[in-house]
C-alpha atoms as a PDB file:
ATOM      1  CA  UNK A   1     139.619  94.386 108.724  1.00  0.00           C
ATOM      2  CA  UNK A   2     139.347  96.388 111.686  1.00  0.00           C
ATOM      3  CA  UNK A   3     136.217  95.757 114.075  1.00  0.00           C
ATOM      4  CA  UNK A   4     133.669  98.565 114.695  1.00  0.00           C
ATOM      5  CA  UNK A   5     131.188  98.857 117.261  1.00  0.00           C
ATOM      6  CA  UNK A   6     127.555 101.215 116.592  1.00  0.00           C
ATOM      7  CA  UNK A   7     125.476 101.417 119.824  1.00  0.00           C
ATOM      8  CA  UNK A   8     122.156 101.359 117.542  1.00  0.00           C
ATOM      9  CA  UNK A   9     119.471  99.135 116.296  1.00  0.00           C
ATOM     10  CA  UNK A  10     119.925  97.479 112.286  1.00  0.00           C
ATOM     11  CA  UNK A  11     117.683  99.244 109.988  1.00  0.00           C
ATOM     12  CA  UNK A  12     117.061  97.594 106.895  1.00  0.00           C
ATOM     13  CA  UNK A  13     117.563  99.334 103.383  1.00  0.00           C
ATOM     14  CA  UNK A  14     115.646  98.783 100.044  1.00  0.00           C
ATOM     15  CA  UNK A  15     118.553  96.133  99.913  1.00  0.00           C
ATOM     16  CA  UNK A  16     118.354  94.122 102.508  1.00  0.00           C
ATOM     17  CA  UNK A  17     121.217  95.577 104.299  1.00  0.00           C
ATOM     18  CA  UNK A  18     121.731  98.034 107.201  1.00  0.00           C
ATOM     19  CA  UNK A  19     123.225 101.408 105.616  1.00  0.00           C
ATOM     20  CA  UNK A  20     125.909 101.784 108.138  1.00  0.00           C
ATOM     21  CA  UNK A  21     127.600  98.138 107.879  1.00  0.00           C
ATOM     22  CA  UNK A  22     127.373  98.502 103.800  1.00  0.00           C
ATOM     23  CA  UNK A  23     129.083 102.035 104.401  1.00  0.00           C
ATOM     24  CA  UNK A  24     131.899 100.510 106.751  1.00  0.00           C
ATOM     25  CA  UNK A  25     132.244  97.800 105.077  1.00  0.00           C
ATOM     26  CA  UNK A  26     133.472 100.312 101.658  1.00  0.00           C
ATOM     27  CA  UNK A  27     136.171 101.499 104.084  1.00  0.00           C
ATOM     28  CA  UNK A  28     137.270  98.199 105.067  1.00  0.00           C
ATOM     29  CA  UNK A  29     136.046  98.353 108.492  1.00  0.00           C
ATOM     30  CA  UNK A  30     133.703  95.659 110.184  1.00  0.00           C
ATOM     31  CA  UNK A  31     130.793  97.133 111.872  1.00  0.00           C
ATOM     32  CA  UNK A  32     128.471  95.461 114.450  1.00  0.00           C
ATOM     33  CA  UNK A  33     125.284  96.657 115.493  1.00  0.00           C
ATOM     34  CA  UNK A  34     123.798  96.285 118.976  1.00  0.00           C
ATOM     35  CA  UNK A  35     121.063  97.943 120.373  1.00  0.00           C
ATOM     36  CA  UNK A  36     120.738 100.033 123.483  1.00  0.00           C
ATOM     37  CA  UNK A  37     117.731 101.343 123.397  1.00  0.00           C
ATOM     38  CA  UNK A  38     113.827 100.453 123.983  1.00  0.00           C
ATOM     39  CA  UNK A  39     110.653 102.588 123.359  1.00  0.00           C
ATOM     40  CA  UNK A  40     107.757 101.810 126.105  1.00  0.00           C
ATOM     41  CA  UNK A  41     104.090 103.049 125.049  1.00  0.00           C
ATOM     42  CA  UNK A  42     102.280 105.398 127.358  1.00  0.00           C
ATOM     43  CA  UNK A  43      98.837 106.744 127.393  1.00  0.00           C
ATOM     44  CA  UNK A  44      96.984 104.767 124.582  1.00  0.00           C
ATOM     45  CA  UNK A  45      93.778 104.399 125.690  1.00  0.00           C
ATOM     46  CA  UNK A  46      93.658 108.432 126.112  1.00  0.00           C
ATOM     47  CA  UNK A  47      95.410 108.846 123.139  1.00  0.00           C
ATOM     48  CA  UNK A  48      93.239 106.237 121.046  1.00  0.00           C
ATOM     49  CA  UNK A  49      90.454 108.291 122.475  1.00  0.00           C
ATOM     50  CA  UNK A  50      91.603 111.599 120.885  1.00  0.00           C
ATOM     51  CA  UNK A  51      92.251 109.984 117.535  1.00  0.00           C
ATOM     52  CA  UNK A  52      88.739 108.763 117.778  1.00  0.00           C
ATOM     53  CA  UNK A  53      87.631 112.721 117.562  1.00  0.00           C
ATOM     54  CA  UNK A  54      89.020 114.637 114.720  1.00  0.00           C
ATOM     55  CA  UNK A  55      86.248 116.897 115.194  1.00  0.00           C
ATOM     56  CA  UNK A  56      88.132 119.065 118.271  1.00  0.00           C
ATOM     57  CA  UNK A  57      91.624 119.311 116.871  1.00  0.00           C
ATOM     58  CA  UNK A  58      93.102 121.907 114.097  1.00  0.00           C
ATOM     59  CA  UNK A  59      95.657 118.529 112.869  1.00  0.00           C
ATOM     60  CA  UNK A  60      98.005 116.341 114.050  1.00  0.00           C
ATOM     61  CA  UNK A  61     102.002 117.042 114.001  1.00  0.00           C
ATOM     62  CA  UNK A  62     104.516 114.278 114.714  1.00  0.00           C
ATOM     63  CA  UNK A  63     107.957 114.738 114.825  1.00  0.00           C
ATOM     64  CA  UNK A  64     109.225 111.017 115.367  1.00  0.00           C
ATOM     65  CA  UNK A  65     108.406 107.486 113.977  1.00  0.00           C
ATOM     66  CA  UNK A  66     107.593 106.403 117.729  1.00  0.00           C
ATOM     67  CA  UNK A  67     104.666 108.585 117.853  1.00  0.00           C
ATOM     68  CA  UNK A  68     102.981 107.184 114.399  1.00  0.00           C
ATOM     69  CA  UNK A  69     103.735 104.041 116.141  1.00  0.00           C
ATOM     70  CA  UNK A  70     102.120 104.601 118.501  1.00  0.00           C
ATOM     71  CA  UNK A  71      98.474 106.005 116.450  1.00  0.00           C
ATOM     72  CA  UNK A  72      99.062 102.105 114.908  1.00  0.00           C
ATOM     73  CA  UNK A  73      98.799 100.666 118.641  1.00  0.00           C
ATOM     74  CA  UNK A  74      95.720 102.429 119.089  1.00  0.00           C
ATOM     75  CA  UNK A  75      93.979 101.654 116.200  1.00  0.00           C
ATOM     76  CA  UNK A  76      94.994  97.382 116.370  1.00  0.00           C
ATOM     77  CA  UNK A  77      94.177  97.041 120.357  1.00  0.00           C
ATOM     78  CA  UNK A  78      90.828  99.050 120.162  1.00  0.00           C
ATOM     79  CA  UNK A  79      89.697  97.471 116.692  1.00  0.00           C
ATOM     80  CA  UNK A  80      89.460 100.746 115.253  1.00  0.00           C
ATOM     81  CA  UNK A  81      90.994 100.133 112.014  1.00  0.00           C
ATOM     82  CA  UNK A  82      88.089 100.141 110.048  1.00  0.00           C
ATOM     83  CA  UNK A  83      86.557 103.008 111.361  1.00  0.00           C
ATOM     84  CA  UNK A  84      89.860 104.613 110.368  1.00  0.00           C
ATOM     85  CA  UNK A  85      89.916 103.305 106.793  1.00  0.00           C
ATOM     86  CA  UNK A  86      86.224 104.344 106.373  1.00  0.00           C
ATOM     87  CA  UNK A  87      85.982 107.233 107.973  1.00  0.00           C
ATOM     88  CA  UNK A  88      88.743 109.108 110.776  1.00  0.00           C
ATOM     89  CA  UNK A  89      91.055 108.958 108.165  1.00  0.00           C
ATOM     90  CA  UNK A  90      89.463 111.201 105.975  1.00  0.00           C
ATOM     91  CA  UNK A  91      88.180 113.665 108.735  1.00  0.00           C
ATOM     92  CA  UNK A  92      92.036 113.622 109.625  1.00  0.00           C
ATOM     93  CA  UNK A  93      93.191 114.133 106.312  1.00  0.00           C
ATOM     94  CA  UNK A  94      90.565 117.250 105.785  1.00  0.00           C
ATOM     95  CA  UNK A  95      93.013 118.792 108.537  1.00  0.00           C
ATOM     96  CA  UNK A  96      96.695 119.521 108.244  1.00  0.00           C
ATOM     97  CA  UNK A  97      99.038 116.630 109.347  1.00  0.00           C
ATOM     98  CA  UNK A  98     102.739 118.231 110.210  1.00  0.00           C
ATOM     99  CA  UNK A  99     105.849 115.936 110.514  1.00  0.00           C
ATOM    100  CA  UNK A 100     109.595 116.543 110.728  1.00  0.00           C
ATOM    101  CA  UNK A 101     111.421 114.581 108.158  1.00  0.00           C
ATOM    102  CA  UNK A 102     110.609 111.363 105.318  1.00  0.00           C
ATOM    103  CA  UNK A 103     111.455 108.805 107.823  1.00  0.00           C
ATOM    104  CA  UNK A 104     108.062 109.695 109.906  1.00  0.00           C
ATOM    105  CA  UNK A 105     106.502 110.867 106.844  1.00  0.00           C
ATOM    106  CA  UNK A 106     106.619 107.789 104.932  1.00  0.00           C
ATOM    107  CA  UNK A 107     105.219 106.064 108.321  1.00  0.00           C
ATOM    108  CA  UNK A 108     102.158 108.618 108.649  1.00  0.00           C
ATOM    109  CA  UNK A 109     101.496 108.047 104.873  1.00  0.00           C
ATOM    110  CA  UNK A 110     101.424 104.251 105.767  1.00  0.00           C
ATOM    111  CA  UNK A 111      98.685 104.813 108.128  1.00  0.00           C
ATOM    112  CA  UNK A 112      97.306 106.791 104.993  1.00  0.00           C
ATOM    113  CA  UNK A 113      97.608 110.289 105.817  1.00  0.00           C
ATOM    114  CA  UNK A 114      98.620 113.342 103.615  1.00  0.00           C
ATOM    115  CA  UNK A 115     101.615 114.867 104.925  1.00  0.00           C
ATOM    116  CA  UNK A 116     103.171 118.540 105.188  1.00  0.00           C
ATOM    117  CA  UNK A 117     106.508 120.115 106.288  1.00  0.00           C
ATOM    118  CA  UNK A 118     108.267 116.519 105.709  1.00  0.00           C
ATOM    119  CA  UNK A 119     111.344 118.984 104.327  1.00  0.00           C
ATOM    120  CA  UNK A 120     111.724 121.152 107.074  1.00  0.00           C
ATOM    121  CA  UNK A 121     114.277 119.202 108.379  1.00  0.00           C
ATOM    122  CA  UNK A 122     113.865 120.342 112.459  1.00  0.00           C
ATOM    123  CA  UNK A 123     111.524 120.957 114.834  1.00  0.00           C
ATOM    124  CA  UNK A 124     112.322 124.738 115.115  1.00  0.00           C
ATOM    125  CA  UNK A 125     111.531 124.843 111.102  1.00  0.00           C
ATOM    126  CA  UNK A 126     108.588 122.970 111.699  1.00  0.00           C
ATOM    127  CA  UNK A 127     107.198 125.369 114.145  1.00  0.00           C
ATOM    128  CA  UNK A 128     108.053 128.438 111.781  1.00  0.00           C
ATOM    129  CA  UNK A 129     106.350 126.829 108.746  1.00  0.00           C
ATOM    130  CA  UNK A 130     103.228 125.976 111.114  1.00  0.00           C
ATOM    131  CA  UNK A 131     102.926 129.561 112.234  1.00  0.00           C
ATOM    132  CA  UNK A 132     103.331 130.851 108.862  1.00  0.00           C
ATOM    133  CA  UNK A 133      99.907 128.517 107.821  1.00  0.00           C
ATOM    134  CA  UNK A 134      97.600 128.022 111.046  1.00  0.00           C
ATOM    135  CA  UNK A 135      95.304 130.299 111.831  1.00  0.00           C
ATOM    136  CA  UNK A 136      94.545 129.469 115.575  1.00  0.00           C
ATOM    137  CA  UNK A 137      91.246 127.793 116.463  1.00  0.00           C
ATOM    138  CA  UNK A 138      90.999 124.015 117.429  1.00  0.00           C
ATOM    139  CA  UNK A 139      93.987 122.369 118.655  1.00  0.00           C
ATOM    140  CA  UNK A 140      97.002 120.726 116.897  1.00  0.00           C
ATOM    141  CA  UNK A 141      97.252 117.217 118.543  1.00  0.00           C
ATOM    142  CA  UNK A 142     101.123 116.316 119.266  1.00  0.00           C
ATOM    143  CA  UNK A 143     101.780 112.669 120.301  1.00  0.00           C
ATOM    144  CA  UNK A 144     105.367 113.080 121.513  1.00  0.00           C
ATOM    145  CA  UNK A 145     108.285 111.182 123.778  1.00  0.00           C
ATOM    146  CA  UNK A 146     108.807 112.113 127.568  1.00  0.00           C
ATOM    147  CA  UNK A 147     112.061 114.258 126.380  1.00  0.00           C
ATOM    148  CA  UNK A 148     110.511 116.142 123.830  1.00  0.00           C
ATOM    149  CA  UNK A 149     112.504 119.272 122.772  1.00  0.00           C
ATOM    150  CA  UNK A 150     110.247 122.360 123.941  1.00  0.00           C
ATOM    151  CA  UNK A 151     111.156 124.315 121.107  1.00  0.00           C
ATOM    152  CA  UNK A 152     108.030 123.599 118.848  1.00  0.00           C
ATOM    153  CA  UNK A 153     105.372 124.007 121.945  1.00  0.00           C
ATOM    154  CA  UNK A 154     106.966 126.877 122.828  1.00  0.00           C
ATOM    155  CA  UNK A 155     107.351 128.897 119.464  1.00  0.00           C
ATOM    156  CA  UNK A 156     103.521 127.599 119.012  1.00  0.00           C
ATOM    157  CA  UNK A 157     102.245 129.170 122.337  1.00  0.00           C
ATOM    158  CA  UNK A 158     104.385 132.504 121.168  1.00  0.00           C
ATOM    159  CA  UNK A 159     102.390 132.917 117.854  1.00  0.00           C
ATOM    160  CA  UNK A 160      99.099 132.045 119.735  1.00  0.00           C
ATOM    161  CA  UNK A 161      98.338 128.685 118.625  1.00  0.00           C
ATOM    162  CA  UNK A 162      97.159 126.289 120.454  1.00  0.00           C
ATOM    163  CA  UNK A 163      98.439 122.703 120.732  1.00  0.00           C
ATOM    164  CA  UNK A 164      97.724 119.785 123.168  1.00  0.00           C
ATOM    165  CA  UNK A 165     101.033 117.734 123.544  1.00  0.00           C
ATOM    166  CA  UNK A 166     100.238 114.150 124.654  1.00  0.00           C
ATOM    167  CA  UNK A 167     103.215 111.658 125.724  1.00  0.00           C
ATOM    168  CA  UNK A 168     102.943 108.722 124.225  1.00  0.00           C
ATOM    169  CA  UNK A 169     106.250 106.960 124.663  1.00  0.00           C
ATOM    170  CA  UNK A 170     109.872 107.075 126.622  1.00  0.00           C
ATOM    171  CA  UNK A 171     112.937 105.744 126.018  1.00  0.00           C
ATOM    172  CA  UNK A 172     114.249 103.013 127.934  1.00  0.00           C
ATOM    173  CA  UNK A 173     117.395 101.032 128.322  1.00  0.00           C
ATOM    174  CA  UNK A 174     117.423  97.717 125.712  1.00  0.00           C
ATOM    175  CA  UNK A 175     116.883  94.454 127.539  1.00  0.00           C
ATOM    176  CA  UNK A 176     119.827  92.726 125.746  1.00  0.00           C
ATOM    177  CA  UNK A 177     122.657  95.327 126.190  1.00  0.00           C
ATOM    178  CA  UNK A 178     124.800  93.289 128.212  1.00  0.00           C
ATOM    179  CA  UNK A 179     124.001  89.729 127.061  1.00  0.00           C
ATOM    180  CA  UNK A 180     125.189  91.681 123.388  1.00  0.00           C
ATOM    181  CA  UNK A 181     128.112  93.154 124.664  1.00  0.00           C
ATOM    182  CA  UNK A 182     129.287  90.399 126.577  1.00  0.00           C
ATOM    183  CA  UNK A 183     128.818  88.225 123.460  1.00  0.00           C
ATOM    184  CA  UNK A 184     130.319  90.859 121.095  1.00  0.00           C
ATOM    185  CA  UNK A 185     133.445  91.134 123.598  1.00  0.00           C
ATOM    186  CA  UNK A 186     133.549  87.645 123.856  1.00  0.00           C
ATOM    187  CA  UNK A 187     133.952  86.243 120.520  1.00  0.00           C
ATOM    188  CA  UNK A 188     135.291  89.653 118.635  1.00  0.00           C
ATOM    189  CA  UNK A 189     137.721  91.699 121.019  1.00  0.00           C
ATOM    190  CA  UNK A 190     137.942  94.640 122.080  1.00  0.00           C
ATOM    191  CA  UNK A 191     136.700  97.148 119.113  1.00  0.00           C
ATOM    192  CA  UNK A 192     138.553  99.560 117.613  1.00  0.00           C
ATOM    193  CA  UNK A 193     135.889 102.035 117.812  1.00  0.00           C
ATOM    194  CA  UNK A 194     132.762 102.663 119.889  1.00  0.00           C
ATOM    195  CA  UNK A 195     129.893 104.622 118.282  1.00  0.00           C
ATOM    196  CA  UNK A 196     127.477 106.272 120.624  1.00  0.00           C
ATOM    197  CA  UNK A 197     123.826 107.781 119.318  1.00  0.00           C
ATOM    198  CA  UNK A 198     122.529 109.067 121.821  1.00  0.00           C
ATOM    199  CA  UNK A 199     123.120 110.712 125.092  1.00  0.00           C
ATOM    200  CA  UNK A 200     120.627 107.774 126.365  1.00  0.00           C
ATOM    201  CA  UNK A 201     122.333 105.100 124.850  1.00  0.00           C
ATOM    202  CA  UNK A 202     125.698 106.523 125.937  1.00  0.00           C
ATOM    203  CA  UNK A 203     123.941 106.516 129.943  1.00  0.00           C
ATOM    204  CA  UNK A 204     122.480 103.193 129.412  1.00  0.00           C
ATOM    205  CA  UNK A 205     125.548 101.287 127.661  1.00  0.00           C
ATOM    206  CA  UNK A 206     128.849 102.620 129.277  1.00  0.00           C
ATOM    207  CA  UNK A 207     129.621 100.872 132.468  1.00  0.00           C
ATOM    208  CA  UNK A 208     128.922  98.045 130.791  1.00  0.00           C
ATOM    209  CA  UNK A 209     131.639  99.161 127.984  1.00  0.00           C
ATOM    210  CA  UNK A 210     134.090 100.361 130.875  1.00  0.00           C
ATOM    211  CA  UNK A 211     133.751  96.809 132.943  1.00  0.00           C
ATOM    212  CA  UNK A 212     134.225  94.780 129.486  1.00  0.00           C
ATOM    213  CA  UNK A 213     137.490  96.791 127.772  1.00  0.00           C
ATOM    214  CA  UNK A 214     139.099  97.016 131.584  1.00  0.00           C
ATOM    215  CA  UNK A 215     142.597  98.986 131.158  1.00  0.00           C
ATOM    216  CA  UNK A 216     142.282  98.625 127.393  1.00  0.00           C
ATOM    217  CA  UNK A 217     139.205 101.205 127.055  1.00  0.00           C
ATOM    218  CA  UNK A 218     142.546 103.891 126.151  1.00  0.00           C
ATOM    219  CA  UNK A 219     143.021 101.947 122.789  1.00  0.00           C
ATOM    220  CA  UNK A 220     139.319 102.488 121.680  1.00  0.00           C
ATOM    221  CA  UNK A 221     138.478 105.582 119.491  1.00  0.00           C
ATOM    222  CA  UNK A 222     134.941 106.879 121.137  1.00  0.00           C
ATOM    223  CA  UNK A 223     132.724 108.246 118.015  1.00  0.00           C
ATOM    224  CA  UNK A 224     129.378 110.540 118.176  1.00  0.00           C
ATOM    225  CA  UNK A 225     126.650 110.760 115.783  1.00  0.00           C
ATOM    226  CA  UNK A 226     126.600 114.313 116.616  1.00  0.00           C
ATOM    227  CA  UNK A 227     127.512 116.961 118.611  1.00  0.00           C
ATOM    228  CA  UNK A 228     124.928 116.535 121.842  1.00  0.00           C
ATOM    229  CA  UNK A 229     125.977 112.976 122.091  1.00  0.00           C
ATOM    230  CA  UNK A 230     129.924 113.964 121.627  1.00  0.00           C
ATOM    231  CA  UNK A 231     129.170 116.386 124.993  1.00  0.00           C
ATOM    232  CA  UNK A 232     127.783 113.566 126.645  1.00  0.00           C
ATOM    233  CA  UNK A 233     130.480 111.856 126.129  1.00  0.00           C
ATOM    234  CA  UNK A 234     133.092 114.514 127.096  1.00  0.00           C
ATOM    235  CA  UNK A 235     130.741 115.190 130.399  1.00  0.00           C
ATOM    236  CA  UNK A 236     131.235 111.386 131.013  1.00  0.00           C
ATOM    237  CA  UNK A 237     135.571 112.270 130.772  1.00  0.00           C
ATOM    238  CA  UNK A 238     135.480 110.153 127.402  1.00  0.00           C
ATOM    239  CA  UNK A 239     137.829 111.431 124.569  1.00  0.00           C
ATOM    240  CA  UNK A 240     135.796 112.093 121.987  1.00  0.00           C
ATOM    241  CA  UNK A 241     138.250 110.853 118.397  1.00  0.00           C
ATOM    242  CA  UNK A 242     135.893 111.522 116.203  1.00  0.00           C
ATOM    243  CA  UNK A 243     132.305 113.839 115.510  1.00  0.00           C
ATOM    244  CA  UNK A 244     130.399 112.899 112.033  1.00  0.00           C
ATOM    245  CA  UNK A 245     129.881 115.888 110.056  1.00  0.00           C
ATOM    246  CA  UNK A 246     126.351 114.795 109.568  1.00  0.00           C
ATOM    247  CA  UNK A 247     124.131 112.002 110.836  1.00  0.00           C
ATOM    248  CA  UNK A 248     124.776 109.726 107.920  1.00  0.00           C
ATOM    249  CA  UNK A 249     126.613 106.918 107.864  1.00  0.00           C
ATOM    250  CA  UNK A 250     128.633 107.901 104.931  1.00  0.00           C
ATOM    251  CA  UNK A 251     129.653 110.745 107.464  1.00  0.00           C
ATOM    252  CA  UNK A 252     130.341 108.470 110.322  1.00  0.00           C
ATOM    253  CA  UNK A 253     132.077 106.051 108.398  1.00  0.00           C
ATOM    254  CA  UNK A 254     134.462 108.670 106.397  1.00  0.00           C
ATOM    255  CA  UNK A 255     135.381 110.171 110.343  1.00  0.00           C
ATOM    256  CA  UNK A 256     136.066 107.307 111.895  1.00  0.00           C
ATOM    257  CA  UNK A 257     138.298 105.777 109.040  1.00  0.00           C
ATOM    258  CA  UNK A 258     140.230 109.100 109.193  1.00  0.00           C
ATOM    259  CA  UNK A 259     140.822 108.092 113.117  1.00  0.00           C
ATOM    260  CA  UNK A 260     141.619 104.598 112.589  1.00  0.00           C
ATOM    261  CA  UNK A 261     144.324 105.121 109.741  1.00  0.00           C
ATOM    262  CA  UNK A 262     145.456 108.509 110.125  1.00  0.00           C
ATOM    263  CA  UNK A 263     148.561 107.722 107.938  1.00  0.00           C
ATOM    264  CA  UNK A 264     147.060 106.530 104.553  1.00  0.00           C
ATOM    265  CA  UNK A 265     145.414 109.855 104.164  1.00  0.00           C
END
């Protein structure tokens, strides 16, 4: 079996296996996942304080799973779980809780909030949805990461919808990148293909990959999960053999299979 390396963290689905590993297996490829990103939470005391005052806001906006994790951390740290269950949750539920995407929505549901807008798929479409619904009064509270896109804040501002964003997390390099890559290369050798899942993931891991691959780096087929990451690879002077048609295990596996075995198609 050809070995491929995916630079992301593993997530089990309902079958207890990572969907990428399973999908690549169906194409006769042996995938290994190595995480290259970690997250550090910021300003939690200030965020916790805001969560305690739903009366000051018109609702909430969540565009990433990490922002929801920040809510959970605030509740745990400040022993607010009871207060949340008994009163805060209902007060927030009386307002709008907007989310991007189903993964984020299901986490928001877990903390007991009803969501809307999850079918929008991206921040721009969610902003349009919010603009069609809201009448400006109290600001919407938007917990986000340091690298939040500017599209959503700008669109709301242009429509006169007040919003207060608070930065609650930032991406940092995963502490185990080097050890995990060293271990992979020493046991498995040089992979036939390596996939990057974000520009920051590329930035944190490329130096190690170049050192470990040496002159054999030309044999590796580099892949990207989407156009933004593909541009980042190009900017580093790396040839992009494959960009997934959509950011799914199926599309990525099919694309890499085509690149690795062009003759069999």
